[in-house]
Amino acid sequence: MGFCQSELQKNPRLKNEKPCFECKMCYFHTANKKDFERHEKTKKHINRLTNLSMKKTPDDEKIYKCKQCDRTYKDYSGLWRHIQKCDIPSVETSANTDKNTNDELLLELIKQNKELQQILIDKTDEFQNTVIEQNNKIIELTNKPTIINNTNQQFNLNMFLNETCKDALNIMDVLNSLQLKVEDFEETGRLGYVEGISRIIINCIKDMDVEKRPMHCTDFKRETLYIKDENIWTKEGVDKNNFKKIVKRVAQLNLCQLPNWQKKYPESVKVNTKENDEYVKLSLAALGSRTNEEEEKFMNKIMKNVLKEVVLDKKNMIN
């Protein structure tokens, strides 16, 4: 909305006058607003407005686009000048390059797979050949006659006990001839009942020749023990009665040293003295167990200690 240019050029004074309403499409102008609004409703104005909107829009114009960077140009000459400078690789070129690379990788994988298959085939053939060779050797050894020298040397227990050890001492004869000292009584008190009694029994027989010993262990794990008494070799039973007699006899001989120890330490009879405390300690150790269960436990431990010293080395005896 404004004054008509033609009127302004003809008469500059109109700048101070009322504005002019102009329709350039219909070449219509007026200073009256109502007249201008009435013009906009006329058939002539409406037809021209409709025809103008149906004309070719800028969207119908041809556009030239760069395939590499997607920039657009209105004419081909502008696009051609741009292409000379555009350094972005085209999508098609990149896609072709990726496709070529993927094809090469696929071919390489196929090649490696064939090589792996060949290696597995070679290893399988090698393993089969090894198995066949081993089977042939087994068959050859099976068919080949062999000479086995078997002397069938075995440890003869009866011969060992009744022939080799026919002059062995009787266990009770050994114990009855045993002469203990006060030092043995004191050592039992220091070591305790189990270790003290074990020490006395082992000292009785450890220095004897094997053929003279009154007891032999043929199987340590199973606690198999043979004891000679009254000139007869007897296998110890499950109740271990023979060995219990040995332990009780040695414990009795050790306890008999108590009066001799009191003579050596006369102050031991007086209560609340150092010697009396030692007397009580040694007496309790010499007596050993206080219950049947404890007696069985102590006896088993003493037996294991003794068996270690009298177990037979059968292999050396055979050779």
Protein backbone atom coordinates (compact mmCIF):
# COMPACT_ATOMS: atom_id res chain seq x y z
CA MET A 1 0.00 0.00 0.00
CA GLY A 2 1.31 3.54 -0.95
CA PHE A 3 1.21 6.30 -3.53
CA CYS A 4 1.40 5.47 -7.23
CA GLN A 5 4.91 5.93 -8.58
CA SER A 6 3.62 7.73 -11.66
CA GLU A 7 1.75 10.24 -9.59
CA LEU A 8 4.70 10.77 -7.25
CA GLN A 9 6.97 11.49 -10.21
CA LYS A 10 4.48 13.95 -11.70
CA ASN A 11 3.65 15.66 -8.46
CA PRO A 12 6.14 15.35 -5.55
CA ARG A 13 3.80 17.21 -3.28
CA LEU A 14 1.65 14.11 -3.03
CA LYS A 15 4.07 12.76 -0.44
CA ASN A 16 2.20 14.80 2.12
CA GLU A 17 -1.18 13.81 0.81
CA LYS A 18 -3.31 10.74 1.62
CA PRO A 19 -1.85 7.35 0.57
CA CYS A 20 -2.75 5.66 -2.69
CA PHE A 21 -4.06 2.05 -2.85
CA GLU A 22 -2.67 0.22 -5.94
CA CYS A 23 -3.22 -3.26 -7.47
CA LYS A 24 -0.28 -3.83 -9.80
CA MET A 25 -1.76 -7.02 -11.16
CA CYS A 26 -4.83 -5.15 -12.50
CA TYR A 27 -3.16 -1.76 -12.92
CA PHE A 28 -5.73 -0.30 -10.53
CA HIS A 29 -5.07 2.48 -8.02
CA THR A 30 -7.20 4.73 -5.80
CA ALA A 31 -6.93 6.94 -2.77
CA ASN A 32 -10.10 5.49 -1.30
CA LYS A 33 -9.65 2.34 0.75
CA LYS A 34 -13.23 1.22 0.32
CA ASP A 35 -12.86 1.46 -3.45
CA PHE A 36 -9.73 -0.72 -3.22
CA GLU A 37 -11.50 -3.36 -1.15
CA ARG A 38 -14.40 -3.35 -3.59
CA HIS A 39 -11.87 -3.91 -6.44
CA GLU A 40 -10.40 -6.98 -4.69
CA LYS A 41 -13.86 -8.59 -4.79
CA THR A 42 -14.36 -8.02 -8.50
CA LYS A 43 -14.42 -11.00 -10.93
CA LYS A 44 -11.58 -9.49 -12.96
CA HIS A 45 -9.24 -9.33 -9.97
CA ILE A 46 -10.12 -12.82 -8.74
CA ASN A 47 -9.57 -14.39 -12.23
CA ARG A 48 -6.18 -12.75 -12.62
CA LEU A 49 -5.13 -13.88 -9.12
CA THR A 50 -6.13 -17.52 -9.91
CA ASN A 51 -4.26 -17.54 -13.24
CA LEU A 52 -1.13 -16.19 -11.58
CA SER A 53 -1.01 -19.02 -8.99
CA MET A 54 -1.26 -21.61 -11.79
CA LYS A 55 1.78 -20.28 -13.59
CA LYS A 56 5.14 -22.17 -13.46
CA THR A 57 6.73 -22.00 -10.02
CA PRO A 58 10.45 -21.99 -9.25
CA ASP A 59 10.12 -25.65 -8.17
CA ASP A 60 9.47 -26.56 -11.79
CA GLU A 61 12.81 -25.16 -12.83
CA LYS A 62 15.52 -27.70 -13.72
CA ILE A 63 18.16 -28.20 -11.01
CA TYR A 64 21.69 -29.62 -11.52
CA LYS A 65 23.10 -31.60 -8.53
CA CYS A 66 26.68 -32.76 -7.79
CA LYS A 67 26.69 -36.54 -7.23
CA GLN A 68 29.68 -36.29 -4.91
CA CYS A 69 28.61 -33.60 -2.41
CA ASP A 70 24.89 -33.05 -3.31
CA ARG A 71 25.35 -29.31 -4.02
CA THR A 72 22.77 -27.90 -6.50
CA TYR A 73 23.10 -25.42 -9.42
CA LYS A 74 20.56 -23.73 -11.69
CA ASP A 75 22.65 -24.25 -14.83
CA TYR A 76 25.04 -26.91 -16.09
CA SER A 77 27.96 -24.53 -16.46
CA GLY A 78 27.94 -23.81 -12.73
CA LEU A 79 27.84 -27.53 -11.95
CA TRP A 80 30.72 -28.22 -14.37
CA ARG A 81 32.96 -25.59 -12.72
CA HIS A 82 32.15 -27.07 -9.29
CA ILE A 83 33.00 -30.65 -10.34
CA GLN A 84 36.51 -29.50 -11.36
CA LYS A 85 37.15 -28.48 -7.73
CA CYS A 86 35.08 -31.02 -5.73
CA ASP A 87 37.44 -33.56 -4.08
CA ILE A 88 34.89 -35.66 -2.11
CA PRO A 89 34.88 -39.22 -3.44
CA SER A 90 31.59 -40.27 -4.88
CA VAL A 91 29.35 -42.72 -3.08
CA GLU A 92 29.44 -45.03 -6.06
CA THR A 93 33.25 -45.08 -6.07
CA SER A 94 33.38 -45.75 -2.32
CA ALA A 95 30.77 -48.49 -2.64
CA ASN A 96 32.73 -50.11 -5.44
CA THR A 97 35.91 -49.96 -3.38
CA ASP A 98 34.20 -51.57 -0.37
CA LYS A 99 32.72 -54.25 -2.59
CA ASN A 100 36.13 -55.03 -4.05
CA THR A 101 37.65 -55.21 -0.56
CA ASN A 102 34.91 -57.54 0.69
CA ASP A 103 35.36 -59.76 -2.33
CA GLU A 104 39.09 -59.99 -1.67
CA LEU A 105 38.51 -60.86 2.01
CA LEU A 106 35.98 -63.51 1.05
CA LEU A 107 38.42 -65.09 -1.38
CA GLU A 108 41.18 -65.04 1.25
CA LEU A 109 38.92 -66.72 3.82
CA ILE A 110 37.97 -69.40 1.33
CA LYS A 111 41.64 -69.98 0.61
CA GLN A 112 42.53 -70.24 4.30
CA ASN A 113 39.62 -72.59 4.93
CA LYS A 114 40.85 -74.91 2.18
CA GLU A 115 44.36 -74.85 3.68
CA LEU A 116 42.95 -75.69 7.14
CA GLN A 117 40.94 -78.57 5.74
CA GLN A 118 44.05 -79.92 4.07
CA ILE A 119 46.01 -79.70 7.34
CA LEU A 120 43.29 -81.60 9.16
CA ILE A 121 43.24 -84.26 6.47
CA ASP A 122 47.04 -84.63 6.70
CA LYS A 123 46.93 -84.91 10.51
CA THR A 124 44.14 -87.47 10.34
CA ASP A 125 46.11 -89.56 7.87
CA GLU A 126 49.21 -89.29 10.05
CA PHE A 127 47.28 -90.39 13.16
CA GLN A 128 45.74 -93.34 11.32
CA ASN A 129 49.17 -94.42 10.10
CA THR A 130 50.52 -94.24 13.66
CA VAL A 131 47.66 -96.37 14.99
CA ILE A 132 48.15 -98.92 12.22
CA GLU A 133 51.87 -99.07 12.94
CA GLN A 134 51.29 -99.59 16.68
CA ASN A 135 48.73 -102.31 16.02
CA ASN A 136 51.18 -104.08 13.75
CA LYS A 137 53.85 -103.99 16.44
CA ILE A 138 51.41 -105.39 19.00
CA ILE A 139 50.44 -108.21 16.64
CA GLU A 140 54.11 -108.90 15.96
CA LEU A 141 54.95 -109.07 19.66
CA THR A 142 51.93 -111.26 20.31
CA ASN A 143 52.94 -113.79 17.66
CA LYS A 144 56.62 -113.70 18.61
CA PRO A 145 57.56 -116.50 21.02
CA THR A 146 59.11 -115.25 24.25
CA ILE A 147 60.99 -116.95 27.02
CA ILE A 148 60.15 -115.79 30.52
CA ASN A 149 62.52 -116.71 33.30
CA ASN A 150 60.31 -116.85 36.37
CA THR A 151 62.10 -118.09 39.43
CA ASN A 152 58.84 -117.70 41.35
CA GLN A 153 60.71 -116.62 44.40
CA GLN A 154 58.31 -115.95 47.23
CA PHE A 155 58.75 -115.26 50.91
CA ASN A 156 58.04 -118.47 52.81
CA LEU A 157 56.83 -117.36 56.21
CA ASN A 158 56.66 -120.81 57.79
CA MET A 159 60.20 -121.62 56.73
CA PHE A 160 61.42 -118.24 57.96
CA LEU A 161 59.83 -118.60 61.41
CA ASN A 162 60.38 -122.33 62.00
CA GLU A 163 63.74 -122.72 60.27
CA THR A 164 65.50 -119.39 60.05
CA CYS A 165 64.20 -118.18 63.43
CA LYS A 166 64.07 -121.55 65.22
CA ASP A 167 66.52 -120.28 67.84
CA ALA A 168 64.62 -117.06 68.52
CA LEU A 169 64.04 -116.19 72.20
CA ASN A 170 60.67 -116.42 73.92
CA ILE A 171 59.22 -112.96 74.61
CA MET A 172 58.45 -113.64 78.28
CA ASP A 173 61.95 -114.97 78.85
CA VAL A 174 63.29 -111.72 77.46
CA LEU A 175 61.05 -109.60 79.68
CA ASN A 176 61.74 -111.64 82.81
CA SER A 177 65.45 -111.13 82.31
CA LEU A 178 64.94 -107.40 81.79
CA GLN A 179 66.70 -105.24 84.39
CA LEU A 180 65.29 -101.71 84.51
CA LYS A 181 66.83 -98.82 86.37
CA VAL A 182 65.58 -95.68 88.10
CA GLU A 183 66.60 -93.78 84.98
CA ASP A 184 64.05 -95.79 82.96
CA PHE A 185 61.35 -94.85 85.48
CA GLU A 186 62.29 -91.18 85.23
CA GLU A 187 62.41 -91.31 81.42
CA THR A 188 58.91 -92.78 81.32
CA GLY A 189 57.73 -89.89 83.48
CA ARG A 190 59.37 -87.40 81.15
CA LEU A 191 58.12 -89.01 77.89
CA GLY A 192 54.71 -90.15 79.11
CA TYR A 193 53.26 -93.65 79.44
CA VAL A 194 52.92 -94.47 75.70
CA GLU A 195 56.36 -93.32 74.58
CA GLY A 196 58.06 -94.50 77.78
CA ILE A 197 56.76 -98.12 77.60
CA SER A 198 57.39 -98.19 73.81
CA ARG A 199 61.00 -97.16 74.45
CA ILE A 200 61.59 -99.98 76.96
CA ILE A 201 60.17 -102.72 74.66
CA ILE A 202 62.07 -101.48 71.61
CA ASN A 203 65.37 -101.27 73.54
CA CYS A 204 64.91 -104.92 74.52
CA ILE A 205 64.88 -106.24 70.96
CA LYS A 206 66.38 -103.60 68.61
CA ASP A 207 69.97 -104.78 69.14
CA MET A 208 69.12 -108.46 68.65
CA ASP A 209 69.83 -110.27 65.40
CA VAL A 210 66.71 -110.74 63.27
CA GLU A 211 66.86 -114.52 63.76
CA LYS A 212 66.93 -114.09 67.57
CA ARG A 213 64.05 -111.64 67.92
CA PRO A 214 60.89 -112.93 69.67
CA MET A 215 58.51 -110.96 67.43
CA HIS A 216 58.23 -110.10 63.71
CA CYS A 217 55.82 -107.86 61.78
CA THR A 218 55.05 -109.14 58.26
CA ASP A 219 52.54 -106.40 57.27
CA PHE A 220 52.68 -103.01 58.98
CA LYS A 221 49.46 -101.62 57.45
CA ARG A 222 47.43 -104.62 58.57
CA GLU A 223 49.34 -104.82 61.89
CA THR A 224 50.21 -108.47 61.25
CA LEU A 225 52.44 -109.58 64.13
CA TYR A 226 53.98 -112.96 65.05
CA ILE A 227 55.12 -113.49 68.63
CA LYS A 228 57.17 -116.40 69.96
CA ASP A 229 56.43 -117.69 73.46
CA GLU A 230 56.82 -121.12 75.00
CA ASN A 231 58.80 -122.07 71.86
CA ILE A 232 55.79 -121.52 69.56
CA TRP A 233 55.27 -118.80 66.94
CA THR A 234 51.73 -117.40 67.17
CA LYS A 235 49.98 -114.89 64.96
CA GLU A 236 48.52 -112.09 67.02
CA GLY A 237 44.73 -112.09 66.98
CA VAL A 238 42.27 -109.25 66.60
CA ASP A 239 41.94 -108.95 70.37
CA LYS A 240 45.76 -108.51 70.65
CA ASN A 241 45.82 -110.35 73.96
CA ASN A 242 49.45 -111.51 73.64
CA PHE A 243 50.73 -108.00 73.02
CA LYS A 244 48.62 -106.66 75.89
CA LYS A 245 50.44 -109.11 78.21
CA ILE A 246 53.75 -107.73 76.99
CA VAL A 247 52.72 -104.12 77.66
CA LYS A 248 51.34 -104.91 81.13
CA ARG A 249 54.52 -106.83 82.10
CA VAL A 250 56.79 -103.98 81.03
CA ALA A 251 54.59 -101.41 82.80
CA GLN A 252 54.76 -103.54 85.99
CA LEU A 253 58.55 -103.78 85.83
CA ASN A 254 58.77 -100.01 85.32
CA LEU A 255 56.47 -99.29 88.29
CA CYS A 256 58.66 -101.49 90.48
CA GLN A 257 61.36 -98.81 90.19
CA LEU A 258 59.22 -96.41 92.24
CA PRO A 259 60.57 -97.55 95.66
CA ASN A 260 64.11 -97.24 94.36
CA TRP A 261 63.33 -93.69 93.19
CA GLN A 262 61.93 -92.83 96.68
CA LYS A 263 65.13 -94.07 98.28
CA LYS A 264 67.06 -91.79 95.95
CA TYR A 265 64.80 -88.84 96.88
CA PRO A 266 63.66 -89.32 100.51
CA GLU A 267 62.09 -85.83 100.64
CA SER A 268 59.45 -87.06 98.18
CA VAL A 269 57.36 -88.46 101.05
CA LYS A 270 56.89 -84.95 102.46
CA VAL A 271 53.87 -83.07 101.17
CA ASN A 272 54.31 -79.65 99.55
CA THR A 273 57.88 -80.32 98.50
CA LYS A 274 59.44 -80.26 95.05
CA GLU A 275 60.35 -83.93 95.33
CA ASN A 276 56.80 -84.85 96.32
CA ASP A 277 55.40 -83.06 93.25
CA GLU A 278 57.83 -85.01 91.07
CA TYR A 279 56.82 -88.24 92.83
CA VAL A 280 53.15 -87.68 91.98
CA LYS A 281 53.98 -86.83 88.37
CA LEU A 282 56.13 -89.94 87.84
CA SER A 283 53.63 -92.22 89.56
CA LEU A 284 50.77 -91.07 87.33
CA ALA A 285 52.89 -91.58 84.20
CA ALA A 286 53.90 -95.08 85.33
CA LEU A 287 50.30 -96.11 86.02
CA GLY A 288 49.20 -95.15 82.51
CA SER A 289 45.50 -95.34 81.67
CA ARG A 290 42.67 -94.68 84.11
CA THR A 291 39.80 -96.15 82.04
CA ASN A 292 39.36 -99.16 79.77
CA GLU A 293 38.93 -96.91 76.72
CA GLU A 294 42.13 -95.07 77.52
CA GLU A 295 43.96 -98.37 78.10
CA GLU A 296 42.90 -99.62 74.64
CA LYS A 297 43.97 -96.35 73.04
CA PHE A 298 47.40 -96.39 74.74
CA MET A 299 47.97 -100.05 73.85
CA ASN A 300 47.26 -99.46 70.12
CA LYS A 301 49.73 -96.57 70.02
CA ILE A 302 52.44 -98.63 71.75
CA MET A 303 51.88 -101.49 69.29
CA LYS A 304 52.32 -99.20 66.28
CA ASN A 305 55.58 -97.86 67.72
CA VAL A 306 56.94 -101.39 68.24
CA LEU A 307 55.82 -102.71 64.83
CA LYS A 308 57.87 -100.03 63.08
CA GLU A 309 61.01 -101.53 64.63
CA VAL A 310 60.29 -105.21 63.92
CA VAL A 311 58.74 -105.07 60.41
CA LEU A 312 60.44 -107.51 58.01
CA ASP A 313 62.08 -106.47 54.72
CA LYS A 314 60.84 -109.41 52.62
CA LYS A 315 62.51 -108.33 49.37
CA ASN A 316 65.99 -108.35 50.85
CA MET A 317 65.32 -111.73 52.45
CA ILE A 318 64.33 -113.27 49.07
CA ASN A 319 67.41 -111.88 47.30
